[in-house]
Amino acid sequence: MKTATVELPEDILTLLAQSRLGDRPQSDQVRIAVAIHLFQEGVISIGKAAELAGEPRIGFERFLSGIGIASV
């Protein structure tokens, strides 16, 4: 997978650290947040979102369920 470097305001990283993603490495926090957003917008499937998040699909679906996001 190709990667790119993106500058983010420190405020966004601080807020992510305070979120339910906060126990994960910073780069994972951003990647998962983007995957969740794209899935919610209907841009990508749950399988693709899990792949982008770097998570097994079932684990990603459980995570979404735990934060109140339906994966079906």
PDB file of N, CA and C in Angstrom:
ATOM      1  N   MET A   1       0.845  -1.167   0.000  1.00  0.00           N
ATOM      2  CA  MET A   1       0.000   0.000   0.000  1.00  0.00           C
ATOM      3  C   MET A   1       0.893   1.234   0.000  1.00  0.00           C
ATOM      4  N   LYS A   2       0.596   2.155  -0.885  1.00  0.00           N
ATOM      5  CA  LYS A   2       1.332   3.413  -0.908  1.00  0.00           C
ATOM      6  C   LYS A   2       0.935   4.246   0.301  1.00  0.00           C
ATOM      7  N   THR A   3       1.843   5.073   0.738  1.00  0.00           N
ATOM      8  CA  THR A   3       1.559   5.966   1.863  1.00  0.00           C
ATOM      9  C   THR A   3       1.871   7.398   1.467  1.00  0.00           C
ATOM     10  N   ALA A   4       1.317   8.322   2.222  1.00  0.00           N
ATOM     11  CA  ALA A   4       1.567   9.747   2.033  1.00  0.00           C
ATOM     12  C   ALA A   4       1.698  10.378   3.408  1.00  0.00           C
ATOM     13  N   THR A   5       2.416  11.443   3.452  1.00  0.00           N
ATOM     14  CA  THR A   5       2.560  12.204   4.695  1.00  0.00           C
ATOM     15  C   THR A   5       1.609  13.393   4.630  1.00  0.00           C
ATOM     16  N   VAL A   6       0.857  13.573   5.700  1.00  0.00           N
ATOM     17  CA  VAL A   6      -0.123  14.661   5.762  1.00  0.00           C
ATOM     18  C   VAL A   6       0.109  15.433   7.052  1.00  0.00           C
ATOM     19  N   GLU A   7       0.104  16.741   6.954  1.00  0.00           N
ATOM     20  CA  GLU A   7       0.227  17.565   8.148  1.00  0.00           C
ATOM     21  C   GLU A   7      -1.149  17.746   8.767  1.00  0.00           C
ATOM     22  N   LEU A   8      -1.228  17.533  10.076  1.00  0.00           N
ATOM     23  CA  LEU A   8      -2.473  17.720  10.812  1.00  0.00           C
ATOM     24  C   LEU A   8      -2.236  18.704  11.942  1.00  0.00           C
ATOM     25  N   PRO A   9      -3.222  19.542  12.206  1.00  0.00           N
ATOM     26  CA  PRO A   9      -3.085  20.425  13.368  1.00  0.00           C
ATOM     27  C   PRO A   9      -2.952  19.584  14.638  1.00  0.00           C
ATOM     28  N   GLU A  10      -2.148  20.027  15.540  1.00  0.00           N
ATOM     29  CA  GLU A  10      -1.919  19.329  16.807  1.00  0.00           C
ATOM     30  C   GLU A  10      -3.230  19.095  17.555  1.00  0.00           C
ATOM     31  N   ASP A  11      -4.185  20.015  17.396  1.00  0.00           N
ATOM     32  CA  ASP A  11      -5.484  19.882  18.061  1.00  0.00           C
ATOM     33  C   ASP A  11      -6.203  18.595  17.664  1.00  0.00           C
ATOM     34  N   ILE A  12      -6.118  18.229  16.392  1.00  0.00           N
ATOM     35  CA  ILE A  12      -6.776  17.000  15.929  1.00  0.00           C
ATOM     36  C   ILE A  12      -6.143  15.790  16.593  1.00  0.00           C
ATOM     37  N   LEU A  13      -4.829  15.768  16.658  1.00  0.00           N
ATOM     38  CA  LEU A  13      -4.141  14.637  17.293  1.00  0.00           C
ATOM     39  C   LEU A  13      -4.449  14.561  18.782  1.00  0.00           C
ATOM     40  N   THR A  14      -4.573  15.709  19.414  1.00  0.00           N
ATOM     41  CA  THR A  14      -4.923  15.748  20.838  1.00  0.00           C
ATOM     42  C   THR A  14      -6.325  15.186  21.055  1.00  0.00           C
ATOM     43  N   LEU A  15      -7.249  15.585  20.212  1.00  0.00           N
ATOM     44  CA  LEU A  15      -8.622  15.084  20.331  1.00  0.00           C
ATOM     45  C   LEU A  15      -8.700  13.588  20.065  1.00  0.00           C
ATOM     46  N   LEU A  16      -7.977  13.112  19.065  1.00  0.00           N
ATOM     47  CA  LEU A  16      -7.952  11.667  18.804  1.00  0.00           C
ATOM     48  C   LEU A  16      -7.388  10.908  20.000  1.00  0.00           C
ATOM     49  N   ALA A  17      -6.385  11.465  20.638  1.00  0.00           N
ATOM     50  CA  ALA A  17      -5.780  10.822  21.807  1.00  0.00           C
ATOM     51  C   ALA A  17      -6.774  10.733  22.963  1.00  0.00           C
ATOM     52  N   GLN A  18      -7.734  11.641  23.007  1.00  0.00           N
ATOM     53  CA  GLN A  18      -8.753  11.640  24.053  1.00  0.00           C
ATOM     54  C   GLN A  18      -9.952  10.765  23.684  1.00  0.00           C
ATOM     55  N   SER A  19      -9.982  10.273  22.469  1.00  0.00           N
ATOM     56  CA  SER A  19     -11.113   9.473  21.994  1.00  0.00           C
ATOM     57  C   SER A  19     -10.920   8.003  22.361  1.00  0.00           C
ATOM     58  N   ARG A  20     -11.846   7.184  21.932  1.00  0.00           N
ATOM     59  CA  ARG A  20     -11.750   5.739  22.167  1.00  0.00           C
ATOM     60  C   ARG A  20     -10.584   5.108  21.423  1.00  0.00           C
ATOM     61  N   LEU A  21      -9.995   5.853  20.511  1.00  0.00           N
ATOM     62  CA  LEU A  21      -8.821   5.371  19.786  1.00  0.00           C
ATOM     63  C   LEU A  21      -7.524   5.706  20.513  1.00  0.00           C
ATOM     64  N   GLY A  22      -7.618   6.443  21.593  1.00  0.00           N
ATOM     65  CA  GLY A  22      -6.465   6.998  22.277  1.00  0.00           C
ATOM     66  C   GLY A  22      -5.440   6.016  22.789  1.00  0.00           C
ATOM     67  N   ASP A  23      -5.810   4.756  22.951  1.00  0.00           N
ATOM     68  CA  ASP A  23      -4.850   3.772  23.452  1.00  0.00           C
ATOM     69  C   ASP A  23      -4.012   3.150  22.335  1.00  0.00           C
ATOM     70  N   ARG A  24      -4.248   3.591  21.128  1.00  0.00           N
ATOM     71  CA  ARG A  24      -3.516   3.056  19.966  1.00  0.00           C
ATOM     72  C   ARG A  24      -2.437   4.047  19.534  1.00  0.00           C
ATOM     73  N   PRO A  25      -1.459   3.569  18.771  1.00  0.00           N
ATOM     74  CA  PRO A  25      -0.444   4.497  18.250  1.00  0.00           C
ATOM     75  C   PRO A  25      -1.098   5.611  17.426  1.00  0.00           C
ATOM     76  N   GLN A  26      -0.494   6.768  17.434  1.00  0.00           N
ATOM     77  CA  GLN A  26      -1.058   7.948  16.785  1.00  0.00           C
ATOM     78  C   GLN A  26      -1.398   7.712  15.311  1.00  0.00           C
ATOM     79  N   SER A  27      -0.505   7.064  14.575  1.00  0.00           N
ATOM     80  CA  SER A  27      -0.782   6.829  13.152  1.00  0.00           C
ATOM     81  C   SER A  27      -1.980   5.906  12.979  1.00  0.00           C
ATOM     82  N   ASP A  28      -2.158   4.943  13.875  1.00  0.00           N
ATOM     83  CA  ASP A  28      -3.322   4.051  13.824  1.00  0.00           C
ATOM     84  C   ASP A  28      -4.594   4.829  14.125  1.00  0.00           C
ATOM     85  N   GLN A  29      -4.530   5.758  15.060  1.00  0.00           N
ATOM     86  CA  GLN A  29      -5.696   6.573  15.403  1.00  0.00           C
ATOM     87  C   GLN A  29      -6.224   7.293  14.163  1.00  0.00           C
ATOM     88  N   VAL A  30      -5.325   7.905  13.426  1.00  0.00           N
ATOM     89  CA  VAL A  30      -5.715   8.667  12.236  1.00  0.00           C
ATOM     90  C   VAL A  30      -6.250   7.721  11.169  1.00  0.00           C
ATOM     91  N   ARG A  31      -5.546   6.639  10.917  1.00  0.00           N
ATOM     92  CA  ARG A  31      -5.949   5.691   9.879  1.00  0.00           C
ATOM     93  C   ARG A  31      -7.341   5.107  10.177  1.00  0.00           C
ATOM     94  N   ILE A  32      -7.580   4.720  11.429  1.00  0.00           N
ATOM     95  CA  ILE A  32      -8.873   4.139  11.801  1.00  0.00           C
ATOM     96  C   ILE A  32      -9.979   5.183  11.705  1.00  0.00           C
ATOM     97  N   ALA A  33      -9.710   6.392  12.154  1.00  0.00           N
ATOM     98  CA  ALA A  33     -10.724   7.456  12.082  1.00  0.00           C
ATOM     99  C   ALA A  33     -11.128   7.729  10.637  1.00  0.00           C
ATOM    100  N   VAL A  34     -10.164   7.745   9.741  1.00  0.00           N
ATOM    101  CA  VAL A  34     -10.467   7.974   8.320  1.00  0.00           C
ATOM    102  C   VAL A  34     -11.254   6.788   7.755  1.00  0.00           C
ATOM    103  N   ALA A  35     -10.865   5.578   8.103  1.00  0.00           N
ATOM    104  CA  ALA A  35     -11.575   4.392   7.623  1.00  0.00           C
ATOM    105  C   ALA A  35     -13.026   4.401   8.103  1.00  0.00           C
ATOM    106  N   ILE A  36     -13.244   4.759   9.366  1.00  0.00           N
ATOM    107  CA  ILE A  36     -14.603   4.829   9.904  1.00  0.00           C
ATOM    108  C   ILE A  36     -15.415   5.873   9.138  1.00  0.00           C
ATOM    109  N   HIS A  37     -14.837   7.024   8.927  1.00  0.00           N
ATOM    110  CA  HIS A  37     -15.548   8.088   8.218  1.00  0.00           C
ATOM    111  C   HIS A  37     -15.927   7.647   6.803  1.00  0.00           C
ATOM    112  N   LEU A  38     -14.987   7.088   6.077  1.00  0.00           N
ATOM    113  CA  LEU A  38     -15.269   6.663   4.705  1.00  0.00           C
ATOM    114  C   LEU A  38     -16.337   5.584   4.664  1.00  0.00           C
ATOM    115  N   PHE A  39     -16.327   4.673   5.649  1.00  0.00           N
ATOM    116  CA  PHE A  39     -17.356   3.644   5.731  1.00  0.00           C
ATOM    117  C   PHE A  39     -18.720   4.274   6.012  1.00  0.00           C
ATOM    118  N   GLN A  40     -18.782   5.180   6.967  1.00  0.00           N
ATOM    119  CA  GLN A  40     -20.053   5.829   7.304  1.00  0.00           C
ATOM    120  C   GLN A  40     -20.624   6.629   6.135  1.00  0.00           C
ATOM    121  N   GLU A  41     -19.751   7.189   5.331  1.00  0.00           N
ATOM    122  CA  GLU A  41     -20.191   7.955   4.167  1.00  0.00           C
ATOM    123  C   GLU A  41     -20.612   7.051   3.002  1.00  0.00           C
ATOM    124  N   GLY A  42     -20.363   5.755   3.130  1.00  0.00           N
ATOM    125  CA  GLY A  42     -20.719   4.812   2.067  1.00  0.00           C
ATOM    126  C   GLY A  42     -19.725   4.782   0.922  1.00  0.00           C
ATOM    127  N   VAL A  43     -18.549   5.346   1.141  1.00  0.00           N
ATOM    128  CA  VAL A  43     -17.524   5.394   0.100  1.00  0.00           C
ATOM    129  C   VAL A  43     -16.836   4.039  -0.038  1.00  0.00           C
ATOM    130  N   ILE A  44     -16.683   3.325   1.092  1.00  0.00           N
ATOM    131  CA  ILE A  44     -16.029   2.017   1.086  1.00  0.00           C
ATOM    132  C   ILE A  44     -16.865   1.020   1.882  1.00  0.00           C
ATOM    133  N   SER A  45     -16.631  -0.250   1.598  1.00  0.00           N
ATOM    134  CA  SER A  45     -17.325  -1.327   2.309  1.00  0.00           C
ATOM    135  C   SER A  45     -16.705  -1.541   3.684  1.00  0.00           C
ATOM    136  N   ILE A  46     -17.385  -2.320   4.511  1.00  0.00           N
ATOM    137  CA  ILE A  46     -16.855  -2.653   5.827  1.00  0.00           C
ATOM    138  C   ILE A  46     -15.541  -3.419   5.704  1.00  0.00           C
ATOM    139  N   GLY A  47     -15.452  -4.292   4.712  1.00  0.00           N
ATOM    140  CA  GLY A  47     -14.216  -5.050   4.506  1.00  0.00           C
ATOM    141  C   GLY A  47     -13.047  -4.149   4.153  1.00  0.00           C
ATOM    142  N   LYS A  48     -13.291  -3.182   3.258  1.00  0.00           N
ATOM    143  CA  LYS A  48     -12.235  -2.247   2.868  1.00  0.00           C
ATOM    144  C   LYS A  48     -11.876  -1.341   4.039  1.00  0.00           C
ATOM    145  N   ALA A  49     -12.867  -0.931   4.820  1.00  0.00           N
ATOM    146  CA  ALA A  49     -12.592  -0.093   5.984  1.00  0.00           C
ATOM    147  C   ALA A  49     -11.711  -0.833   6.975  1.00  0.00           C
ATOM    148  N   ALA A  50     -12.023  -2.100   7.226  1.00  0.00           N
ATOM    149  CA  ALA A  50     -11.207  -2.908   8.136  1.00  0.00           C
ATOM    150  C   ALA A  50      -9.782  -3.025   7.608  1.00  0.00           C
ATOM    151  N   GLU A  51      -9.658  -3.246   6.306  1.00  0.00           N
ATOM    152  CA  GLU A  51      -8.325  -3.350   5.691  1.00  0.00           C
ATOM    153  C   GLU A  51      -7.544  -2.048   5.857  1.00  0.00           C
ATOM    154  N   LEU A  52      -8.193  -0.923   5.567  1.00  0.00           N
ATOM    155  CA  LEU A  52      -7.517   0.370   5.717  1.00  0.00           C
ATOM    156  C   LEU A  52      -7.148   0.645   7.166  1.00  0.00           C
ATOM    157  N   ALA A  53      -7.990   0.187   8.082  1.00  0.00           N
ATOM    158  CA  ALA A  53      -7.728   0.383   9.508  1.00  0.00           C
ATOM    159  C   ALA A  53      -6.636  -0.549  10.015  1.00  0.00           C
ATOM    160  N   GLY A  54      -6.290  -1.558   9.214  1.00  0.00           N
ATOM    161  CA  GLY A  54      -5.265  -2.517   9.632  1.00  0.00           C
ATOM    162  C   GLY A  54      -5.781  -3.493  10.675  1.00  0.00           C
ATOM    163  N   GLU A  55      -7.082  -3.763  10.633  1.00  0.00           N
ATOM    164  CA  GLU A  55      -7.728  -4.622  11.615  1.00  0.00           C
ATOM    165  C   GLU A  55      -8.375  -5.815  10.912  1.00  0.00           C
ATOM    166  N   PRO A  56      -8.482  -6.955  11.609  1.00  0.00           N
ATOM    167  CA  PRO A  56      -9.295  -8.048  11.060  1.00  0.00           C
ATOM    168  C   PRO A  56     -10.753  -7.568  10.989  1.00  0.00           C
ATOM    169  N   ARG A  57     -11.464  -8.009   9.976  1.00  0.00           N
ATOM    170  CA  ARG A  57     -12.832  -7.525   9.782  1.00  0.00           C
ATOM    171  C   ARG A  57     -13.703  -7.716  11.024  1.00  0.00           C
ATOM    172  N   ILE A  58     -13.690  -8.907  11.604  1.00  0.00           N
ATOM    173  CA  ILE A  58     -14.551  -9.170  12.756  1.00  0.00           C
ATOM    174  C   ILE A  58     -14.199  -8.261  13.932  1.00  0.00           C
ATOM    175  N   GLY A  59     -12.916  -8.026  14.148  1.00  0.00           N
ATOM    176  CA  GLY A  59     -12.487  -7.125  15.217  1.00  0.00           C
ATOM    177  C   GLY A  59     -12.915  -5.694  14.948  1.00  0.00           C
ATOM    178  N   PHE A  60     -12.844  -5.292  13.695  1.00  0.00           N
ATOM    179  CA  PHE A  60     -13.252  -3.940  13.317  1.00  0.00           C
ATOM    180  C   PHE A  60     -14.753  -3.777  13.501  1.00  0.00           C
ATOM    181  N   GLU A  61     -15.522  -4.791  13.112  1.00  0.00           N
ATOM    182  CA  GLU A  61     -16.973  -4.739  13.296  1.00  0.00           C
ATOM    183  C   GLU A  61     -17.327  -4.672  14.781  1.00  0.00           C
ATOM    184  N   ARG A  62     -16.632  -5.423  15.603  1.00  0.00           N
ATOM    185  CA  ARG A  62     -16.880  -5.369  17.045  1.00  0.00           C
ATOM    186  C   ARG A  62     -16.541  -3.990  17.605  1.00  0.00           C
ATOM    187  N   PHE A  63     -15.432  -3.415  17.139  1.00  0.00           N
ATOM    188  CA  PHE A  63     -15.053  -2.074  17.579  1.00  0.00           C
ATOM    189  C   PHE A  63     -16.148  -1.074  17.216  1.00  0.00           C
ATOM    190  N   LEU A  64     -16.619  -1.129  15.958  1.00  0.00           N
ATOM    191  CA  LEU A  64     -17.680  -0.219  15.527  1.00  0.00           C
ATOM    192  C   LEU A  64     -18.930  -0.390  16.372  1.00  0.00           C
ATOM    193  N   SER A  65     -19.292  -1.638  16.641  1.00  0.00           N
ATOM    194  CA  SER A  65     -20.463  -1.913  17.473  1.00  0.00           C
ATOM    195  C   SER A  65     -20.283  -1.312  18.864  1.00  0.00           C
ATOM    196  N   GLY A  66     -19.080  -1.428  19.390  1.00  0.00           N
ATOM    197  CA  GLY A  66     -18.781  -0.897  20.726  1.00  0.00           C
ATOM    198  C   GLY A  66     -18.877   0.606  20.824  1.00  0.00           C
ATOM    199  N   ILE A  67     -18.724   1.286  19.696  1.00  0.00           N
ATOM    200  CA  ILE A  67     -18.832   2.747  19.705  1.00  0.00           C
ATOM    201  C   ILE A  67     -20.156   3.224  19.092  1.00  0.00           C
ATOM    202  N   GLY A  68     -21.067   2.260  18.893  1.00  0.00           N
ATOM    203  CA  GLY A  68     -22.414   2.615  18.446  1.00  0.00           C
ATOM    204  C   GLY A  68     -22.593   2.837  16.968  1.00  0.00           C
ATOM    205  N   ILE A  69     -21.717   2.234  16.153  1.00  0.00           N
ATOM    206  CA  ILE A  69     -21.834   2.379  14.703  1.00  0.00           C
ATOM    207  C   ILE A  69     -22.227   1.023  14.128  1.00  0.00           C
ATOM    208  N   ALA A  70     -23.362   0.983  13.443  1.00  0.00           N
ATOM    209  CA  ALA A  70     -23.829  -0.263  12.818  1.00  0.00           C
ATOM    210  C   ALA A  70     -22.964  -0.587  11.605  1.00  0.00           C
ATOM    211  N   SER A  71     -22.563  -1.837  11.486  1.00  0.00           N
ATOM    212  CA  SER A  71     -21.710  -2.220  10.361  1.00  0.00           C
ATOM    213  C   SER A  71     -22.483  -2.978   9.285  1.00  0.00           C
ATOM    214  N   VAL A  72     -23.783  -3.043   9.431  1.00  0.00           N
ATOM    215  CA  VAL A  72     -24.614  -3.750   8.436  1.00  0.00           C
ATOM    216  C   VAL A  72     -25.443  -2.766   7.683  1.00  0.00           C
TER     217      VAL A  72
END
